[in-house]
Amino acid sequence: MVAESFCSNLLNPKLLLLGQVMTAWLAPIFDEQLVVWMEPARAHDPEQTLREWETGLKFGAVTRDEYRQQVLGLAPLPGGSGPCCRPA
C-alpha cells in the first residue's frame, strides 16, 4: 500500500530526525533531561479496511463470527457460524 510505504520510508525517518534535532537543541535551553519524541505515523484507511472485510465475507474468506468480532465488535453467535452464504 502506498500510504504505508510513505509513512515507513519517508515520514517516520523525518519525524525521528526532527525529534533528535529538537532534543539536541532544546534540552540545553529547558532541562538536560528533556527528550522530544513523536509517535510514528501509521497509515489507516477505515473505508478500505471495511471494504476488505466485506469482500472477505462475501466470498467466504472470513466467517460471520470473525466479521462480527473484528468489524462490529460483537460477540460470536451461539453455536458458531460457518462461511457466509449470501444469495446471489
PDB file of N, CA and C in Angstrom:
ATOM      1  N   MET A   1       0.842  -1.167   0.000  1.00  0.00           N
ATOM      2  CA  MET A   1       0.000   0.000   0.000  1.00  0.00           C
ATOM      3  C   MET A   1       0.893   1.238   0.000  1.00  0.00           C
ATOM      4  N   VAL A   2       0.509   2.210  -0.773  1.00  0.00           N
ATOM      5  CA  VAL A   2       1.316   3.420  -0.946  1.00  0.00           C
ATOM      6  C   VAL A   2       1.411   4.216   0.352  1.00  0.00           C
ATOM      7  N   ALA A   3       0.316   4.340   1.068  1.00  0.00           N
ATOM      8  CA  ALA A   3       0.323   5.132   2.299  1.00  0.00           C
ATOM      9  C   ALA A   3       1.242   4.513   3.352  1.00  0.00           C
ATOM     10  N   GLU A   4       1.248   3.190   3.458  1.00  0.00           N
ATOM     11  CA  GLU A   4       2.126   2.529   4.413  1.00  0.00           C
ATOM     12  C   GLU A   4       3.587   2.741   4.040  1.00  0.00           C
ATOM     13  N   SER A   5       3.889   2.657   2.765  1.00  0.00           N
ATOM     14  CA  SER A   5       5.252   2.888   2.293  1.00  0.00           C
ATOM     15  C   SER A   5       5.673   4.331   2.565  1.00  0.00           C
ATOM     16  N   PHE A   6       4.771   5.275   2.325  1.00  0.00           N
ATOM     17  CA  PHE A   6       5.059   6.681   2.571  1.00  0.00           C
ATOM     18  C   PHE A   6       5.387   6.912   4.040  1.00  0.00           C
ATOM     19  N   CYS A   7       4.571   6.338   4.919  1.00  0.00           N
ATOM     20  CA  CYS A   7       4.795   6.526   6.356  1.00  0.00           C
ATOM     21  C   CYS A   7       6.108   5.898   6.815  1.00  0.00           C
ATOM     22  N   SER A   8       6.334   4.642   6.406  1.00  0.00           N
ATOM     23  CA  SER A   8       7.505   3.944   6.935  1.00  0.00           C
ATOM     24  C   SER A   8       8.818   4.366   6.287  1.00  0.00           C
ATOM     25  N   ASN A   9       8.800   4.770   5.029  1.00  0.00           N
ATOM     26  CA  ASN A   9      10.046   5.078   4.329  1.00  0.00           C
ATOM     27  C   ASN A   9      10.368   6.567   4.227  1.00  0.00           C
ATOM     28  N   LEU A  10       9.381   7.425   4.379  1.00  0.00           N
ATOM     29  CA  LEU A  10       9.638   8.851   4.230  1.00  0.00           C
ATOM     30  C   LEU A  10       9.294   9.637   5.499  1.00  0.00           C
ATOM     31  N   LEU A  11       8.069   9.510   5.946  1.00  0.00           N
ATOM     32  CA  LEU A  11       7.599  10.341   7.044  1.00  0.00           C
ATOM     33  C   LEU A  11       8.233   9.978   8.390  1.00  0.00           C
ATOM     34  N   ASN A  12       8.229   8.700   8.749  1.00  0.00           N
ATOM     35  CA  ASN A  12       8.765   8.304  10.055  1.00  0.00           C
ATOM     36  C   ASN A  12      10.250   8.587  10.228  1.00  0.00           C
ATOM     37  N   PRO A  13      11.111   8.357   9.224  1.00  0.00           N
ATOM     38  CA  PRO A  13      12.512   8.753   9.405  1.00  0.00           C
ATOM     39  C   PRO A  13      12.685  10.254   9.622  1.00  0.00           C
ATOM     40  N   LYS A  14      11.857  11.057   8.950  1.00  0.00           N
ATOM     41  CA  LYS A  14      11.940  12.510   9.146  1.00  0.00           C
ATOM     42  C   LYS A  14      11.458  12.903  10.540  1.00  0.00           C
ATOM     43  N   LEU A  15      10.413  12.245  11.031  1.00  0.00           N
ATOM     44  CA  LEU A  15       9.950  12.517  12.396  1.00  0.00           C
ATOM     45  C   LEU A  15      11.012  12.150  13.424  1.00  0.00           C
ATOM     46  N   LEU A  16      11.681  11.031  13.205  1.00  0.00           N
ATOM     47  CA  LEU A  16      12.746  10.604  14.109  1.00  0.00           C
ATOM     48  C   LEU A  16      13.890  11.620  14.104  1.00  0.00           C
ATOM     49  N   LEU A  17      14.310  12.035  12.938  1.00  0.00           N
ATOM     50  CA  LEU A  17      15.381  13.021  12.822  1.00  0.00           C
ATOM     51  C   LEU A  17      14.983  14.349  13.450  1.00  0.00           C
ATOM     52  N   LEU A  18      13.760  14.782  13.208  1.00  0.00           N
ATOM     53  CA  LEU A  18      13.280  16.034  13.786  1.00  0.00           C
ATOM     54  C   LEU A  18      13.277  15.966  15.310  1.00  0.00           C
ATOM     55  N   GLY A  19      12.856  14.845  15.856  1.00  0.00           N
ATOM     56  CA  GLY A  19      12.865  14.674  17.306  1.00  0.00           C
ATOM     57  C   GLY A  19      14.274  14.713  17.874  1.00  0.00           C
ATOM     58  N   GLN A  20      15.225  14.091  17.175  1.00  0.00           N
ATOM     59  CA  GLN A  20      16.606  14.091  17.644  1.00  0.00           C
ATOM     60  C   GLN A  20      17.206  15.492  17.603  1.00  0.00           C
ATOM     61  N   VAL A  21      16.918  16.236  16.545  1.00  0.00           N
ATOM     62  CA  VAL A  21      17.442  17.604  16.431  1.00  0.00           C
ATOM     63  C   VAL A  21      16.819  18.502  17.491  1.00  0.00           C
ATOM     64  N   MET A  22      15.507  18.372  17.689  1.00  0.00           N
ATOM     65  CA  MET A  22      14.844  19.194  18.705  1.00  0.00           C
ATOM     66  C   MET A  22      15.356  18.856  20.100  1.00  0.00           C
ATOM     67  N   THR A  23      15.615  17.583  20.353  1.00  0.00           N
ATOM     68  CA  THR A  23      16.173  17.184  21.641  1.00  0.00           C
ATOM     69  C   THR A  23      17.549  17.806  21.845  1.00  0.00           C
ATOM     70  N   ALA A  24      18.384  17.757  20.815  1.00  0.00           N
ATOM     71  CA  ALA A  24      19.745  18.310  20.927  1.00  0.00           C
ATOM     72  C   ALA A  24      19.742  19.818  21.136  1.00  0.00           C
ATOM     73  N   TRP A  25      18.814  20.526  20.501  1.00  0.00           N
ATOM     74  CA  TRP A  25      18.805  21.979  20.594  1.00  0.00           C
ATOM     75  C   TRP A  25      17.995  22.505  21.778  1.00  0.00           C
ATOM     76  N   LEU A  26      16.932  21.800  22.141  1.00  0.00           N
ATOM     77  CA  LEU A  26      16.068  22.318  23.202  1.00  0.00           C
ATOM     78  C   LEU A  26      16.466  21.850  24.597  1.00  0.00           C
ATOM     79  N   ALA A  27      17.112  20.706  24.697  1.00  0.00           N
ATOM     80  CA  ALA A  27      17.496  20.195  26.012  1.00  0.00           C
ATOM     81  C   ALA A  27      18.366  21.178  26.790  1.00  0.00           C
ATOM     82  N   PRO A  28      19.380  21.770  26.186  1.00  0.00           N
ATOM     83  CA  PRO A  28      20.203  22.725  26.951  1.00  0.00           C
ATOM     84  C   PRO A  28      19.437  23.978  27.380  1.00  0.00           C
ATOM     85  N   ILE A  29      18.413  24.346  26.630  1.00  0.00           N
ATOM     86  CA  ILE A  29      17.661  25.562  26.961  1.00  0.00           C
ATOM     87  C   ILE A  29      16.730  25.326  28.148  1.00  0.00           C
ATOM     88  N   PHE A  30      16.021  24.198  28.151  1.00  0.00           N
ATOM     89  CA  PHE A  30      14.993  23.952  29.167  1.00  0.00           C
ATOM     90  C   PHE A  30      15.479  23.058  30.306  1.00  0.00           C
ATOM     91  N   ASP A  31      15.912  21.875  29.974  1.00  0.00           N
ATOM     92  CA  ASP A  31      16.271  20.911  31.012  1.00  0.00           C
ATOM     93  C   ASP A  31      17.130  19.841  30.358  1.00  0.00           C
ATOM     94  N   GLU A  32      18.166  19.415  31.034  1.00  0.00           N
ATOM     95  CA  GLU A  32      19.060  18.404  30.468  1.00  0.00           C
ATOM     96  C   GLU A  32      18.349  17.064  30.238  1.00  0.00           C
ATOM     97  N   GLN A  33      17.239  16.826  30.919  1.00  0.00           N
ATOM     98  CA  GLN A  33      16.507  15.569  30.799  1.00  0.00           C
ATOM     99  C   GLN A  33      15.434  15.610  29.710  1.00  0.00           C
ATOM    100  N   LEU A  34      15.287  16.721  29.035  1.00  0.00           N
ATOM    101  CA  LEU A  34      14.247  16.871  28.016  1.00  0.00           C
ATOM    102  C   LEU A  34      14.538  15.996  26.799  1.00  0.00           C
ATOM    103  N   VAL A  35      13.534  15.258  26.374  1.00  0.00           N
ATOM    104  CA  VAL A  35      13.624  14.447  25.164  1.00  0.00           C
ATOM    105  C   VAL A  35      12.373  14.706  24.340  1.00  0.00           C
ATOM    106  N   VAL A  36      12.551  15.035  23.085  1.00  0.00           N
ATOM    107  CA  VAL A  36      11.417  15.242  22.183  1.00  0.00           C
ATOM    108  C   VAL A  36      11.199  13.952  21.409  1.00  0.00           C
ATOM    109  N   TRP A  37      10.000  13.415  21.530  1.00  0.00           N
ATOM    110  CA  TRP A  37       9.663  12.170  20.846  1.00  0.00           C
ATOM    111  C   TRP A  37       8.315  12.345  20.185  1.00  0.00           C
ATOM    112  N   MET A  38       8.227  11.905  18.945  1.00  0.00           N
ATOM    113  CA  MET A  38       6.970  11.960  18.210  1.00  0.00           C
ATOM    114  C   MET A  38       6.554  10.543  17.848  1.00  0.00           C
ATOM    115  N   GLU A  39       5.292  10.258  18.064  1.00  0.00           N
ATOM    116  CA  GLU A  39       4.790   8.931  17.759  1.00  0.00           C
ATOM    117  C   GLU A  39       4.873   8.682  16.254  1.00  0.00           C
ATOM    118  N   PRO A  40       5.341   7.503  15.851  1.00  0.00           N
ATOM    119  CA  PRO A  40       5.433   7.206  14.415  1.00  0.00           C
ATOM    120  C   PRO A  40       4.062   7.270  13.736  1.00  0.00           C
ATOM    121  N   ALA A  41       4.061   7.763  12.522  1.00  0.00           N
ATOM    122  CA  ALA A  41       2.821   7.855  11.741  1.00  0.00           C
ATOM    123  C   ALA A  41       2.430   6.475  11.246  1.00  0.00           C
ATOM    124  N   ARG A  42       1.132   6.225  11.217  1.00  0.00           N
ATOM    125  CA  ARG A  42       0.613   4.957  10.717  1.00  0.00           C
ATOM    126  C   ARG A  42      -0.469   5.242   9.701  1.00  0.00           C
ATOM    127  N   ALA A  43      -0.423   4.513   8.607  1.00  0.00           N
ATOM    128  CA  ALA A  43      -1.452   4.664   7.585  1.00  0.00           C
ATOM    129  C   ALA A  43      -2.653   3.805   7.962  1.00  0.00           C
ATOM    130  N   HIS A  44      -3.807   4.410   7.985  1.00  0.00           N
ATOM    131  CA  HIS A  44      -5.017   3.659   8.289  1.00  0.00           C
ATOM    132  C   HIS A  44      -6.169   4.273   7.510  1.00  0.00           C
ATOM    133  N   ASP A  45      -6.812   3.446   6.715  1.00  0.00           N
ATOM    134  CA  ASP A  45      -7.961   3.875   5.936  1.00  0.00           C
ATOM    135  C   ASP A  45      -9.151   3.027   6.357  1.00  0.00           C
ATOM    136  N   PRO A  46     -10.022   3.559   7.212  1.00  0.00           N
ATOM    137  CA  PRO A  46     -11.142   2.766   7.709  1.00  0.00           C
ATOM    138  C   PRO A  46     -12.058   2.253   6.602  1.00  0.00           C
ATOM    139  N   GLU A  47     -12.265   3.053   5.571  1.00  0.00           N
ATOM    140  CA  GLU A  47     -13.143   2.624   4.475  1.00  0.00           C
ATOM    141  C   GLU A  47     -12.539   1.443   3.722  1.00  0.00           C
ATOM    142  N   GLN A  48     -11.239   1.470   3.486  1.00  0.00           N
ATOM    143  CA  GLN A  48     -10.575   0.360   2.801  1.00  0.00           C
ATOM    144  C   GLN A  48     -10.625  -0.903   3.650  1.00  0.00           C
ATOM    145  N   THR A  49     -10.408  -0.764   4.947  1.00  0.00           N
ATOM    146  CA  THR A  49     -10.472  -1.914   5.845  1.00  0.00           C
ATOM    147  C   THR A  49     -11.863  -2.527   5.828  1.00  0.00           C
ATOM    148  N   LEU A  50     -12.895  -1.698   5.849  1.00  0.00           N
ATOM    149  CA  LEU A  50     -14.275  -2.192   5.796  1.00  0.00           C
ATOM    150  C   LEU A  50     -14.549  -2.903   4.473  1.00  0.00           C
ATOM    151  N   ARG A  51     -14.079  -2.336   3.368  1.00  0.00           N
ATOM    152  CA  ARG A  51     -14.264  -2.989   2.054  1.00  0.00           C
ATOM    153  C   ARG A  51     -13.573  -4.348   2.017  1.00  0.00           C
ATOM    154  N   GLU A  52     -12.377  -4.435   2.594  1.00  0.00           N
ATOM    155  CA  GLU A  52     -11.660  -5.713   2.613  1.00  0.00           C
ATOM    156  C   GLU A  52     -12.423  -6.760   3.415  1.00  0.00           C
ATOM    157  N   TRP A  53     -12.940  -6.383   4.584  1.00  0.00           N
ATOM    158  CA  TRP A  53     -13.708  -7.318   5.401  1.00  0.00           C
ATOM    159  C   TRP A  53     -14.993  -7.738   4.687  1.00  0.00           C
ATOM    160  N   GLU A  54     -15.681  -6.778   4.062  1.00  0.00           N
ATOM    161  CA  GLU A  54     -16.927  -7.105   3.362  1.00  0.00           C
ATOM    162  C   GLU A  54     -16.670  -8.023   2.177  1.00  0.00           C
ATOM    163  N   THR A  55     -15.574  -7.820   1.474  1.00  0.00           N
ATOM    164  CA  THR A  55     -15.232  -8.701   0.359  1.00  0.00           C
ATOM    165  C   THR A  55     -14.907 -10.094   0.869  1.00  0.00           C
ATOM    166  N   GLY A  56     -14.183 -10.176   1.966  1.00  0.00           N
ATOM    167  CA  GLY A  56     -13.880 -11.473   2.558  1.00  0.00           C
ATOM    168  C   GLY A  56     -15.135 -12.196   3.005  1.00  0.00           C
ATOM    169  N   LEU A  57     -16.090 -11.460   3.547  1.00  0.00           N
ATOM    170  CA  LEU A  57     -17.353 -12.040   3.973  1.00  0.00           C
ATOM    171  C   LEU A  57     -18.168 -12.505   2.767  1.00  0.00           C
ATOM    172  N   LYS A  58     -18.183 -11.693   1.734  1.00  0.00           N
ATOM    173  CA  LYS A  58     -18.948 -12.008   0.525  1.00  0.00           C
ATOM    174  C   LYS A  58     -18.459 -13.289  -0.143  1.00  0.00           C
ATOM    175  N   PHE A  59     -17.158 -13.485  -0.197  1.00  0.00           N
ATOM    176  CA  PHE A  59     -16.591 -14.642  -0.888  1.00  0.00           C
ATOM    177  C   PHE A  59     -16.243 -15.799   0.048  1.00  0.00           C
ATOM    178  N   GLY A  60     -16.626 -15.694   1.311  1.00  0.00           N
ATOM    179  CA  GLY A  60     -16.430 -16.797   2.243  1.00  0.00           C
ATOM    180  C   GLY A  60     -15.019 -16.935   2.781  1.00  0.00           C
ATOM    181  N   ALA A  61     -14.207 -15.906   2.671  1.00  0.00           N
ATOM    182  CA  ALA A  61     -12.843 -15.966   3.191  1.00  0.00           C
ATOM    183  C   ALA A  61     -12.820 -15.788   4.709  1.00  0.00           C
ATOM    184  N   VAL A  62     -13.856 -15.150   5.256  1.00  0.00           N
ATOM    185  CA  VAL A  62     -13.993 -14.986   6.699  1.00  0.00           C
ATOM    186  C   VAL A  62     -15.391 -15.449   7.095  1.00  0.00           C
ATOM    187  N   THR A  63     -15.530 -15.854   8.335  1.00  0.00           N
ATOM    188  CA  THR A  63     -16.845 -16.280   8.815  1.00  0.00           C
ATOM    189  C   THR A  63     -17.625 -15.080   9.329  1.00  0.00           C
ATOM    190  N   ARG A  64     -18.912 -15.294   9.529  1.00  0.00           N
ATOM    191  CA  ARG A  64     -19.738 -14.225  10.083  1.00  0.00           C
ATOM    192  C   ARG A  64     -19.271 -13.859  11.493  1.00  0.00           C
ATOM    193  N   ASP A  65     -18.829 -14.867  12.250  1.00  0.00           N
ATOM    194  CA  ASP A  65     -18.323 -14.572  13.595  1.00  0.00           C
ATOM    195  C   ASP A  65     -17.079 -13.691  13.549  1.00  0.00           C
ATOM    196  N   GLU A  66     -16.164 -13.978  12.640  1.00  0.00           N
ATOM    197  CA  GLU A  66     -14.960 -13.140  12.507  1.00  0.00           C
ATOM    198  C   GLU A  66     -15.349 -11.711  12.141  1.00  0.00           C
ATOM    199  N   TYR A  67     -16.271 -11.576  11.222  1.00  0.00           N
ATOM    200  CA  TYR A  67     -16.739 -10.246  10.819  1.00  0.00           C
ATOM    201  C   TYR A  67     -17.389  -9.531  12.005  1.00  0.00           C
ATOM    202  N   ARG A  68     -18.250 -10.245  12.725  1.00  0.00           N
ATOM    203  CA  ARG A  68     -18.927  -9.653  13.877  1.00  0.00           C
ATOM    204  C   ARG A  68     -17.925  -9.178  14.922  1.00  0.00           C
ATOM    205  N   GLN A  69     -16.908  -9.990  15.191  1.00  0.00           N
ATOM    206  CA  GLN A  69     -15.933  -9.646  16.227  1.00  0.00           C
ATOM    207  C   GLN A  69     -15.015  -8.510  15.782  1.00  0.00           C
ATOM    208  N   GLN A  70     -14.454  -8.613  14.595  1.00  0.00           N
ATOM    209  CA  GLN A  70     -13.436  -7.659  14.161  1.00  0.00           C
ATOM    210  C   GLN A  70     -14.003  -6.325  13.687  1.00  0.00           C
ATOM    211  N   VAL A  71     -15.118  -6.350  12.979  1.00  0.00           N
ATOM    212  CA  VAL A  71     -15.655  -5.117  12.391  1.00  0.00           C
ATOM    213  C   VAL A  71     -16.724  -4.492  13.276  1.00  0.00           C
ATOM    214  N   LEU A  72     -17.645  -5.299  13.746  1.00  0.00           N
ATOM    215  CA  LEU A  72     -18.776  -4.773  14.505  1.00  0.00           C
ATOM    216  C   LEU A  72     -18.543  -4.741  16.003  1.00  0.00           C
ATOM    217  N   GLY A  73     -17.528  -5.473  16.479  1.00  0.00           N
ATOM    218  CA  GLY A  73     -17.245  -5.509  17.907  1.00  0.00           C
ATOM    219  C   GLY A  73     -18.294  -6.263  18.701  1.00  0.00           C
ATOM    220  N   LEU A  74     -18.959  -7.224  18.063  1.00  0.00           N
ATOM    221  CA  LEU A  74     -19.994  -8.011  18.714  1.00  0.00           C
ATOM    222  C   LEU A  74     -19.463  -9.379  19.114  1.00  0.00           C
ATOM    223  N   ALA A  75     -20.177 -10.021  20.015  1.00  0.00           N
ATOM    224  CA  ALA A  75     -19.810 -11.374  20.441  1.00  0.00           C
ATOM    225  C   ALA A  75     -20.155 -12.366  19.334  1.00  0.00           C
ATOM    226  N   PRO A  76     -19.456 -13.498  19.299  1.00  0.00           N
ATOM    227  CA  PRO A  76     -19.783 -14.508  18.297  1.00  0.00           C
ATOM    228  C   PRO A  76     -21.195 -15.051  18.501  1.00  0.00           C
ATOM    229  N   LEU A  77     -21.762 -15.555  17.443  1.00  0.00           N
ATOM    230  CA  LEU A  77     -23.104 -16.154  17.518  1.00  0.00           C
ATOM    231  C   LEU A  77     -23.041 -17.471  18.287  1.00  0.00           C
ATOM    232  N   PRO A  78     -24.082 -17.802  19.044  1.00  0.00           N
ATOM    233  CA  PRO A  78     -24.081 -19.090  19.734  1.00  0.00           C
ATOM    234  C   PRO A  78     -24.014 -20.242  18.728  1.00  0.00           C
ATOM    235  N   GLY A  79     -23.191 -21.202  19.011  1.00  0.00           N
ATOM    236  CA  GLY A  79     -23.059 -22.345  18.104  1.00  0.00           C
ATOM    237  C   GLY A  79     -22.114 -22.091  16.961  1.00  0.00           C
ATOM    238  N   GLY A  80     -21.519 -20.925  16.892  1.00  0.00           N
ATOM    239  CA  GLY A  80     -20.581 -20.632  15.800  1.00  0.00           C
ATOM    240  C   GLY A  80     -21.288 -20.358  14.510  1.00  0.00           C
ATOM    241  N   SER A  81     -20.524 -19.962  13.531  1.00  0.00           N
ATOM    242  CA  SER A  81     -21.094 -19.719  12.205  1.00  0.00           C
ATOM    243  C   SER A  81     -20.095 -20.149  11.167  1.00  0.00           C
ATOM    244  N   GLY A  82     -20.589 -20.693  10.125  1.00  0.00           N
ATOM    245  CA  GLY A  82     -19.729 -21.077   9.008  1.00  0.00           C
ATOM    246  C   GLY A  82     -19.496 -19.906   8.107  1.00  0.00           C
ATOM    247  N   PRO A  83     -18.956 -20.178   6.927  1.00  0.00           N
ATOM    248  CA  PRO A  83     -18.754 -19.102   5.974  1.00  0.00           C
ATOM    249  C   PRO A  83     -20.079 -18.470   5.581  1.00  0.00           C
ATOM    250  N   CYS A  84     -20.022 -17.238   5.240  1.00  0.00           N
ATOM    251  CA  CYS A  84     -21.227 -16.532   4.837  1.00  0.00           C
ATOM    252  C   CYS A  84     -21.696 -17.059   3.485  1.00  0.00           C
ATOM    253  N   CYS A  85     -22.953 -17.324   3.387  1.00  0.00           N
ATOM    254  CA  CYS A  85     -23.534 -17.825   2.132  1.00  0.00           C
ATOM    255  C   CYS A  85     -24.633 -16.882   1.699  1.00  0.00           C
ATOM    256  N   ARG A  86     -24.273 -15.775   1.135  1.00  0.00           N
ATOM    257  CA  ARG A  86     -25.260 -14.798   0.681  1.00  0.00           C
ATOM    258  C   ARG A  86     -25.890 -15.278  -0.608  1.00  0.00           C
ATOM    259  N   PRO A  87     -27.164 -15.041  -0.762  1.00  0.00           N
ATOM    260  CA  PRO A  87     -27.768 -15.360  -2.050  1.00  0.00           C
ATOM    261  C   PRO A  87     -27.281 -14.385  -3.112  1.00  0.00           C
ATOM    262  N   ALA A  88     -27.135 -14.864  -4.305  1.00  0.00           N
ATOM    263  CA  ALA A  88     -26.618 -14.024  -5.394  1.00  0.00           C
ATOM    264  C   ALA A  88     -27.663 -13.057  -5.889  1.00  0.00           C
TER     265      ALA A  88
END
